[in-house]
C-alpha cells in the first residue's frame, strides 16, 4: 500500500469535512505540520473542533484557521500567545474546553490505546471538573476524563520510511505520537522519506501501522515563536 502522497492537499483529499473533530500535533510552533495546516485551511472546512496544546500564534500554525474562522471549538491547555484566540473567546465566538496539559496528553494516549476513560486528581475542585463524574479511591477524590478519538490527526515527524514508520526529532516529538495513535485516520508530514529498513528498529518512535497517509515537506519554515536575546554589557 502506497502511503506517500504528492502534496499536502492530496493527502487530505476525501478526508476533511465540516464539523469534524481533529487533532493537530505540535507545541506552539514546535513540531507543527505546517503544510498540512495550510492544506486544511485551503479545504474551506468549517465548524471544526480542534485538539491541540494551543492554537499556534497570530498568523502562524492553527492561528491561520482562527483568522479564517474555520474553528468552532478548541480543546487546549494553553492559549496565551494568540491574541485572535483571546478575542474570539472573550467575544463568545469560539468555544474552549480547557484541559490540563498532562490530562490532554493522556486523553489522546488513552484514545489510541482503546481506553474509553480514566480517573485523575488533576482538576478536582476547579472548573475543569464541572459536569464530570467524581469518584473516591483510597480516600482521595478523582475526576473521570473521557478519551479523545479524533476523526483525523495531522502530525509532524522528522523521518519516515515508505511503510510509515516514524522518527521524531528532539522536542518536536511533543504531542505528535499521542495525536497519531488517537486518530481514526492519521496523516503525517515528514522532512525525509527513506527506504524500508533504513530506520533501525530501535530508532522507530512510532510504528507505521498508525500512519495512513504521508506527505514530504523537505524544507519547512520552522518559525520561531518567541526569540529572546541577551545584550552583553558594553555592546
C-alpha atoms as a PDB file:
ATOM      1  CA  UNK A   1       0.000   0.000   0.000  1.00  0.00           C
ATOM      2  CA  UNK A   2       1.462   3.343  -1.060  1.00  0.00           C
ATOM      3  CA  UNK A   3       1.104   5.834   1.798  1.00  0.00           C
ATOM      4  CA  UNK A   4       3.013   8.670   0.103  1.00  0.00           C
ATOM      5  CA  UNK A   5       1.003  11.488  -1.475  1.00  0.00           C
ATOM      6  CA  UNK A   6       2.380  14.129  -3.854  1.00  0.00           C
ATOM      7  CA  UNK A   7       1.138  17.136  -1.865  1.00  0.00           C
ATOM      8  CA  UNK A   8      -0.484  18.088   1.401  1.00  0.00           C
ATOM      9  CA  UNK A   9      -3.707  18.858  -0.435  1.00  0.00           C
ATOM     10  CA  UNK A  10      -3.709  15.400  -1.995  1.00  0.00           C
ATOM     11  CA  UNK A  11      -3.027  13.806   1.388  1.00  0.00           C
ATOM     12  CA  UNK A  12      -6.169  15.440   2.817  1.00  0.00           C
ATOM     13  CA  UNK A  13      -8.334  14.813  -0.229  1.00  0.00           C
ATOM     14  CA  UNK A  14     -11.533  12.997   0.726  1.00  0.00           C
ATOM     15  CA  UNK A  15     -10.789  13.086   4.455  1.00  0.00           C
ATOM     16  CA  UNK A  16     -11.866  16.526   5.640  1.00  0.00           C
ATOM     17  CA  UNK A  17     -15.491  17.515   6.228  1.00  0.00           C
ATOM     18  CA  UNK A  18     -17.324  20.268   8.086  1.00  0.00           C
ATOM     19  CA  UNK A  19     -17.874  19.667  11.785  1.00  0.00           C
ATOM     20  CA  UNK A  20     -15.097  17.130  12.301  1.00  0.00           C
ATOM     21  CA  UNK A  21     -13.016  16.516  15.403  1.00  0.00           C
ATOM     22  CA  UNK A  22      -9.337  16.933  14.501  1.00  0.00           C
ATOM     23  CA  UNK A  23      -6.088  16.552  16.443  1.00  0.00           C
ATOM     24  CA  UNK A  24      -3.049  18.566  15.398  1.00  0.00           C
ATOM     25  CA  UNK A  25       0.396  17.802  16.793  1.00  0.00           C
ATOM     26  CA  UNK A  26       2.853  20.407  17.968  1.00  0.00           C
ATOM     27  CA  UNK A  27       3.580  22.661  20.896  1.00  0.00           C
ATOM     28  CA  UNK A  28       3.318  26.305  19.976  1.00  0.00           C
ATOM     29  CA  UNK A  29       5.111  26.354  16.636  1.00  0.00           C
ATOM     30  CA  UNK A  30       7.440  23.467  17.522  1.00  0.00           C
ATOM     31  CA  UNK A  31       6.652  20.256  15.659  1.00  0.00           C
ATOM     32  CA  UNK A  32       3.554  21.522  13.864  1.00  0.00           C
ATOM     33  CA  UNK A  33       2.589  20.055  10.467  1.00  0.00           C
ATOM     34  CA  UNK A  34       2.925  23.350   8.586  1.00  0.00           C
ATOM     35  CA  UNK A  35       1.984  22.164   5.097  1.00  0.00           C
ATOM     36  CA  UNK A  36      -0.964  20.118   6.355  1.00  0.00           C
ATOM     37  CA  UNK A  37      -2.324  23.076   8.335  1.00  0.00           C
ATOM     38  CA  UNK A  38      -2.162  25.222   5.198  1.00  0.00           C
ATOM     39  CA  UNK A  39      -3.890  22.484   3.207  1.00  0.00           C
ATOM     40  CA  UNK A  40      -6.563  22.160   5.903  1.00  0.00           C
ATOM     41  CA  UNK A  41      -7.199  25.901   5.679  1.00  0.00           C
ATOM     42  CA  UNK A  42      -7.466  25.658   1.906  1.00  0.00           C
ATOM     43  CA  UNK A  43     -10.178  22.973   2.130  1.00  0.00           C
ATOM     44  CA  UNK A  44     -12.532  25.629   3.475  1.00  0.00           C
ATOM     45  CA  UNK A  45     -13.908  23.153   6.029  1.00  0.00           C
ATOM     46  CA  UNK A  46     -15.726  24.925   8.855  1.00  0.00           C
ATOM     47  CA  UNK A  47     -17.214  24.294  12.303  1.00  0.00           C
ATOM     48  CA  UNK A  48     -14.144  22.263  13.226  1.00  0.00           C
ATOM     49  CA  UNK A  49     -13.282  21.142  16.744  1.00  0.00           C
ATOM     50  CA  UNK A  50      -9.508  21.016  17.090  1.00  0.00           C
ATOM     51  CA  UNK A  51      -7.464  19.267  19.758  1.00  0.00           C
ATOM     52  CA  UNK A  52      -4.084  20.938  20.191  1.00  0.00           C
ATOM     53  CA  UNK A  53      -1.958  22.022  23.127  1.00  0.00           C
ATOM     54  CA  UNK A  54      -2.514  25.562  21.903  1.00  0.00           C
ATOM     55  CA  UNK A  55      -3.544  27.226  18.681  1.00  0.00           C
ATOM     56  CA  UNK A  56      -0.242  28.433  17.318  1.00  0.00           C
ATOM     57  CA  UNK A  57       0.235  32.199  17.309  1.00  0.00           C
ATOM     58  CA  UNK A  58      -1.373  35.004  15.375  1.00  0.00           C
ATOM     59  CA  UNK A  59      -0.945  34.284  11.683  1.00  0.00           C
ATOM     60  CA  UNK A  60       1.038  31.072  12.119  1.00  0.00           C
ATOM     61  CA  UNK A  61       0.096  27.452  12.741  1.00  0.00           C
ATOM     62  CA  UNK A  62      -3.521  26.983  13.763  1.00  0.00           C
ATOM     63  CA  UNK A  63      -3.711  30.761  14.113  1.00  0.00           C
ATOM     64  CA  UNK A  64      -4.312  30.755  10.360  1.00  0.00           C
ATOM     65  CA  UNK A  65      -7.531  28.773  10.817  1.00  0.00           C
ATOM     66  CA  UNK A  66      -8.680  31.084  13.573  1.00  0.00           C
ATOM     67  CA  UNK A  67      -8.259  34.005  11.200  1.00  0.00           C
ATOM     68  CA  UNK A  68     -10.430  32.283   8.590  1.00  0.00           C
ATOM     69  CA  UNK A  69     -12.999  31.388  11.288  1.00  0.00           C
ATOM     70  CA  UNK A  70     -12.927  27.686  10.433  1.00  0.00           C
ATOM     71  CA  UNK A  71     -12.544  26.546  14.046  1.00  0.00           C
ATOM     72  CA  UNK A  72     -15.678  26.384  16.172  1.00  0.00           C
ATOM     73  CA  UNK A  73     -14.109  24.892  19.301  1.00  0.00           C
ATOM     74  CA  UNK A  74     -10.620  24.324  20.704  1.00  0.00           C
ATOM     75  CA  UNK A  75      -9.656  21.607  23.185  1.00  0.00           C
ATOM     76  CA  UNK A  76      -6.424  23.062  24.560  1.00  0.00           C
ATOM     77  CA  UNK A  77      -4.298  23.592  27.628  1.00  0.00           C
ATOM     78  CA  UNK A  78      -2.577  26.905  26.849  1.00  0.00           C
ATOM     79  CA  UNK A  79      -3.725  29.760  24.641  1.00  0.00           C
ATOM     80  CA  UNK A  80      -1.841  32.758  25.983  1.00  0.00           C
ATOM     81  CA  UNK A  81       0.228  33.615  22.904  1.00  0.00           C
ATOM     82  CA  UNK A  82      -2.653  34.145  20.480  1.00  0.00           C
ATOM     83  CA  UNK A  83      -4.476  37.473  20.573  1.00  0.00           C
ATOM     84  CA  UNK A  84      -7.068  36.438  17.992  1.00  0.00           C
ATOM     85  CA  UNK A  85      -7.844  33.335  20.049  1.00  0.00           C
ATOM     86  CA  UNK A  86      -8.315  35.565  23.095  1.00  0.00           C
ATOM     87  CA  UNK A  87     -10.514  37.994  21.189  1.00  0.00           C
ATOM     88  CA  UNK A  88     -12.783  35.308  19.746  1.00  0.00           C
ATOM     89  CA  UNK A  89     -13.122  33.515  23.076  1.00  0.00           C
ATOM     90  CA  UNK A  90     -13.923  36.633  25.093  1.00  0.00           C
ATOM     91  CA  UNK A  91     -16.407  37.719  22.417  1.00  0.00           C
ATOM     92  CA  UNK A  92     -18.210  34.378  22.626  1.00  0.00           C
ATOM     93  CA  UNK A  93     -17.242  33.497  19.057  1.00  0.00           C
ATOM     94  CA  UNK A  94     -15.071  30.478  19.943  1.00  0.00           C
ATOM     95  CA  UNK A  95     -15.805  27.595  22.292  1.00  0.00           C
ATOM     96  CA  UNK A  96     -12.978  26.449  24.541  1.00  0.00           C
ATOM     97  CA  UNK A  97     -12.554  23.283  26.577  1.00  0.00           C
ATOM     98  CA  UNK A  98      -9.631  23.996  28.864  1.00  0.00           C
ATOM     99  CA  UNK A  99      -7.742  20.789  29.647  1.00  0.00           C
ATOM    100  CA  UNK A 100      -4.656  20.460  31.854  1.00  0.00           C
ATOM    101  CA  UNK A 101      -1.635  19.648  29.722  1.00  0.00           C
ATOM    102  CA  UNK A 102      -0.922  16.217  31.179  1.00  0.00           C
ATOM    103  CA  UNK A 103      -4.592  15.323  31.057  1.00  0.00           C
ATOM    104  CA  UNK A 104      -4.750  16.354  27.402  1.00  0.00           C
ATOM    105  CA  UNK A 105      -1.802  14.109  26.576  1.00  0.00           C
ATOM    106  CA  UNK A 106      -3.363  11.221  28.473  1.00  0.00           C
ATOM    107  CA  UNK A 107      -6.766  11.707  26.821  1.00  0.00           C
ATOM    108  CA  UNK A 108      -5.072  11.267  23.435  1.00  0.00           C
ATOM    109  CA  UNK A 109      -2.913   8.371  24.628  1.00  0.00           C
ATOM    110  CA  UNK A 110      -5.952   6.627  26.094  1.00  0.00           C
ATOM    111  CA  UNK A 111      -7.868   7.111  22.860  1.00  0.00           C
ATOM    112  CA  UNK A 112      -5.069   5.451  20.942  1.00  0.00           C
ATOM    113  CA  UNK A 113      -4.892   2.584  23.442  1.00  0.00           C
ATOM    114  CA  UNK A 114      -8.622   1.863  23.294  1.00  0.00           C
ATOM    115  CA  UNK A 115      -9.228   3.086  26.852  1.00  0.00           C
ATOM    116  CA  UNK A 116     -12.547   4.995  26.911  1.00  0.00           C
ATOM    117  CA  UNK A 117     -11.937   6.957  30.128  1.00  0.00           C
ATOM    118  CA  UNK A 118      -9.660   7.271  33.147  1.00  0.00           C
ATOM    119  CA  UNK A 119      -9.607   8.894  36.579  1.00  0.00           C
ATOM    120  CA  UNK A 120      -7.192  11.634  37.659  1.00  0.00           C
ATOM    121  CA  UNK A 121      -6.859  14.030  40.585  1.00  0.00           C
ATOM    122  CA  UNK A 122      -5.863  16.851  38.258  1.00  0.00           C
ATOM    123  CA  UNK A 123      -8.614  19.460  38.126  1.00  0.00           C
ATOM    124  CA  UNK A 124     -10.615  18.265  41.120  1.00  0.00           C
ATOM    125  CA  UNK A 125     -12.201  21.268  42.811  1.00  0.00           C
ATOM    126  CA  UNK A 126     -11.840  23.501  39.761  1.00  0.00           C
ATOM    127  CA  UNK A 127     -13.946  24.334  36.711  1.00  0.00           C
ATOM    128  CA  UNK A 128     -12.100  21.538  34.906  1.00  0.00           C
ATOM    129  CA  UNK A 129     -14.205  19.059  36.883  1.00  0.00           C
ATOM    130  CA  UNK A 130     -17.552  20.779  36.306  1.00  0.00           C
ATOM    131  CA  UNK A 131     -20.148  18.345  34.986  1.00  0.00           C
ATOM    132  CA  UNK A 132     -17.822  15.347  35.202  1.00  0.00           C
ATOM    133  CA  UNK A 133     -18.121  12.224  37.308  1.00  0.00           C
ATOM    134  CA  UNK A 134     -16.208  12.277  40.598  1.00  0.00           C
ATOM    135  CA  UNK A 135     -15.221   9.122  42.419  1.00  0.00           C
ATOM    136  CA  UNK A 136     -13.288   8.361  45.587  1.00  0.00           C
ATOM    137  CA  UNK A 137     -10.346   5.942  45.618  1.00  0.00           C
ATOM    138  CA  UNK A 138      -8.418   5.279  48.838  1.00  0.00           C
ATOM    139  CA  UNK A 139      -9.804   8.405  50.444  1.00  0.00           C
ATOM    140  CA  UNK A 140      -8.954  10.732  47.554  1.00  0.00           C
ATOM    141  CA  UNK A 141     -11.297  12.300  45.011  1.00  0.00           C
ATOM    142  CA  UNK A 142     -10.712  11.785  41.307  1.00  0.00           C
ATOM    143  CA  UNK A 143     -12.422  13.177  38.213  1.00  0.00           C
ATOM    144  CA  UNK A 144     -13.269  10.988  35.245  1.00  0.00           C
ATOM    145  CA  UNK A 145     -11.880  12.166  31.912  1.00  0.00           C
ATOM    146  CA  UNK A 146     -13.076  10.755  28.593  1.00  0.00           C
ATOM    147  CA  UNK A 147     -10.526   9.714  25.990  1.00  0.00           C
ATOM    148  CA  UNK A 148     -10.213  11.574  22.691  1.00  0.00           C
ATOM    149  CA  UNK A 149     -10.514   9.799  19.346  1.00  0.00           C
ATOM    150  CA  UNK A 150     -10.344  12.435  16.588  1.00  0.00           C
ATOM    151  CA  UNK A 151     -11.671  11.742  13.106  1.00  0.00           C
ATOM    152  CA  UNK A 152      -8.357  12.841  11.590  1.00  0.00           C
ATOM    153  CA  UNK A 153      -4.960  13.531  13.141  1.00  0.00           C
ATOM    154  CA  UNK A 154      -2.409  15.801  11.473  1.00  0.00           C
ATOM    155  CA  UNK A 155       1.094  15.033  12.659  1.00  0.00           C
ATOM    156  CA  UNK A 156       4.673  16.178  12.035  1.00  0.00           C
ATOM    157  CA  UNK A 157       7.675  13.822  12.097  1.00  0.00           C
ATOM    158  CA  UNK A 158      11.277  14.246  11.033  1.00  0.00           C
ATOM    159  CA  UNK A 159      11.722  10.985   9.107  1.00  0.00           C
ATOM    160  CA  UNK A 160       9.607   8.140   7.763  1.00  0.00           C
ATOM    161  CA  UNK A 161      10.267   5.027   5.753  1.00  0.00           C
ATOM    162  CA  UNK A 162       7.924   4.016   2.990  1.00  0.00           C
ATOM    163  CA  UNK A 163       5.872   1.885   5.376  1.00  0.00           C
ATOM    164  CA  UNK A 164       5.204   4.897   7.587  1.00  0.00           C
ATOM    165  CA  UNK A 165       7.485   4.026  10.485  1.00  0.00           C
ATOM    166  CA  UNK A 166       8.316   7.381  12.070  1.00  0.00           C
ATOM    167  CA  UNK A 167      11.198   9.030  13.814  1.00  0.00           C
ATOM    168  CA  UNK A 168      10.684  12.358  15.576  1.00  0.00           C
ATOM    169  CA  UNK A 169      13.367  14.916  16.305  1.00  0.00           C
ATOM    170  CA  UNK A 170      14.083  16.182  19.805  1.00  0.00           C
ATOM    171  CA  UNK A 171      11.326  18.305  21.388  1.00  0.00           C
ATOM    172  CA  UNK A 172       9.284  18.379  18.196  1.00  0.00           C
ATOM    173  CA  UNK A 173       8.050  14.937  19.260  1.00  0.00           C
ATOM    174  CA  UNK A 174       5.828  16.588  21.939  1.00  0.00           C
ATOM    175  CA  UNK A 175       2.131  15.750  21.310  1.00  0.00           C
ATOM    176  CA  UNK A 176       2.681  14.186  17.890  1.00  0.00           C
ATOM    177  CA  UNK A 177       2.881  10.470  18.817  1.00  0.00           C
ATOM    178  CA  UNK A 178      -0.199  10.660  21.041  1.00  0.00           C
ATOM    179  CA  UNK A 179      -2.160  12.539  18.385  1.00  0.00           C
ATOM    180  CA  UNK A 180      -1.099   9.992  15.766  1.00  0.00           C
ATOM    181  CA  UNK A 181      -2.250   6.950  17.720  1.00  0.00           C
ATOM    182  CA  UNK A 182      -5.557   8.529  18.741  1.00  0.00           C
ATOM    183  CA  UNK A 183      -6.756   9.462  15.259  1.00  0.00           C
ATOM    184  CA  UNK A 184      -9.068   7.232  13.275  1.00  0.00           C
ATOM    185  CA  UNK A 185      -7.050   8.410  10.269  1.00  0.00           C
ATOM    186  CA  UNK A 186      -3.519   9.754  10.682  1.00  0.00           C
ATOM    187  CA  UNK A 187      -1.844  11.998   8.090  1.00  0.00           C
ATOM    188  CA  UNK A 188       1.855  12.722   8.639  1.00  0.00           C
ATOM    189  CA  UNK A 189       4.096  15.444   7.249  1.00  0.00           C
ATOM    190  CA  UNK A 190       7.784  14.496   7.180  1.00  0.00           C
ATOM    191  CA  UNK A 191      11.047  16.152   6.209  1.00  0.00           C
ATOM    192  CA  UNK A 192      12.657  12.999   4.887  1.00  0.00           C
ATOM    193  CA  UNK A 193      11.439   9.691   3.441  1.00  0.00           C
ATOM    194  CA  UNK A 194      13.807   6.721   3.283  1.00  0.00           C
ATOM    195  CA  UNK A 195      13.585   3.138   2.098  1.00  0.00           C
ATOM    196  CA  UNK A 196      12.174   0.448   4.344  1.00  0.00           C
ATOM    197  CA  UNK A 197      14.874  -0.846   6.657  1.00  0.00           C
ATOM    198  CA  UNK A 198      16.902   2.361   6.729  1.00  0.00           C
ATOM    199  CA  UNK A 199      15.498   3.326  10.118  1.00  0.00           C
ATOM    200  CA  UNK A 200      16.918   0.951  12.711  1.00  0.00           C
ATOM    201  CA  UNK A 201      14.190  -0.798  14.727  1.00  0.00           C
ATOM    202  CA  UNK A 202      15.366   0.846  17.950  1.00  0.00           C
ATOM    203  CA  UNK A 203      15.059   4.253  16.277  1.00  0.00           C
ATOM    204  CA  UNK A 204      11.404   3.846  15.295  1.00  0.00           C
ATOM    205  CA  UNK A 205       9.427   6.113  17.608  1.00  0.00           C
ATOM    206  CA  UNK A 206       6.016   5.262  16.124  1.00  0.00           C
ATOM    207  CA  UNK A 207       5.179   2.138  14.097  1.00  0.00           C
ATOM    208  CA  UNK A 208       3.793   2.617  10.612  1.00  0.00           C
ATOM    209  CA  UNK A 209       0.593   0.759  11.465  1.00  0.00           C
ATOM    210  CA  UNK A 210      -0.715   4.040  12.889  1.00  0.00           C
ATOM    211  CA  UNK A 211       0.079   6.024   9.732  1.00  0.00           C
ATOM    212  CA  UNK A 212      -2.370   6.100   6.834  1.00  0.00           C
ATOM    213  CA  UNK A 213      -1.018   8.892   4.617  1.00  0.00           C
ATOM    214  CA  UNK A 214       2.251  10.815   4.336  1.00  0.00           C
ATOM    215  CA  UNK A 215       3.484  13.891   2.532  1.00  0.00           C
ATOM    216  CA  UNK A 216       7.041  15.149   2.143  1.00  0.00           C
ATOM    217  CA  UNK A 217       7.833  18.716   3.219  1.00  0.00           C
ATOM    218  CA  UNK A 218      11.603  18.785   2.997  1.00  0.00           C
ATOM    219  CA  UNK A 219      12.001  22.483   3.780  1.00  0.00           C
ATOM    220  CA  UNK A 220       9.512  23.615   6.435  1.00  0.00           C
ATOM    221  CA  UNK A 221       9.716  27.207   7.630  1.00  0.00           C
ATOM    222  CA  UNK A 222      10.078  26.273  11.313  1.00  0.00           C
ATOM    223  CA  UNK A 223       9.172  29.746  12.528  1.00  0.00           C
ATOM    224  CA  UNK A 224      10.420  30.743  15.967  1.00  0.00           C
ATOM    225  CA  UNK A 225       7.562  31.549  18.301  1.00  0.00           C
ATOM    226  CA  UNK A 226       9.474  33.870  20.601  1.00  0.00           C
ATOM    227  CA  UNK A 227      13.076  34.938  20.196  1.00  0.00           C
ATOM    228  CA  UNK A 228      14.915  36.044  23.339  1.00  0.00           C
ATOM    229  CA  UNK A 229      18.388  37.577  23.127  1.00  0.00           C
ATOM    230  CA  UNK A 230      20.794  38.849  25.748  1.00  0.00           C
ATOM    231  CA  UNK A 231      22.566  42.172  25.314  1.00  0.00           C
ATOM    232  CA  UNK A 232      26.054  41.987  26.773  1.00  0.00           C
ATOM    233  CA  UNK A 233      27.444  44.822  28.836  1.00  0.00           C
ATOM    234  CA  UNK A 234      29.237  47.403  26.720  1.00  0.00           C
ATOM    235  CA  UNK A 235      27.519  46.429  23.445  1.00  0.00           C
END
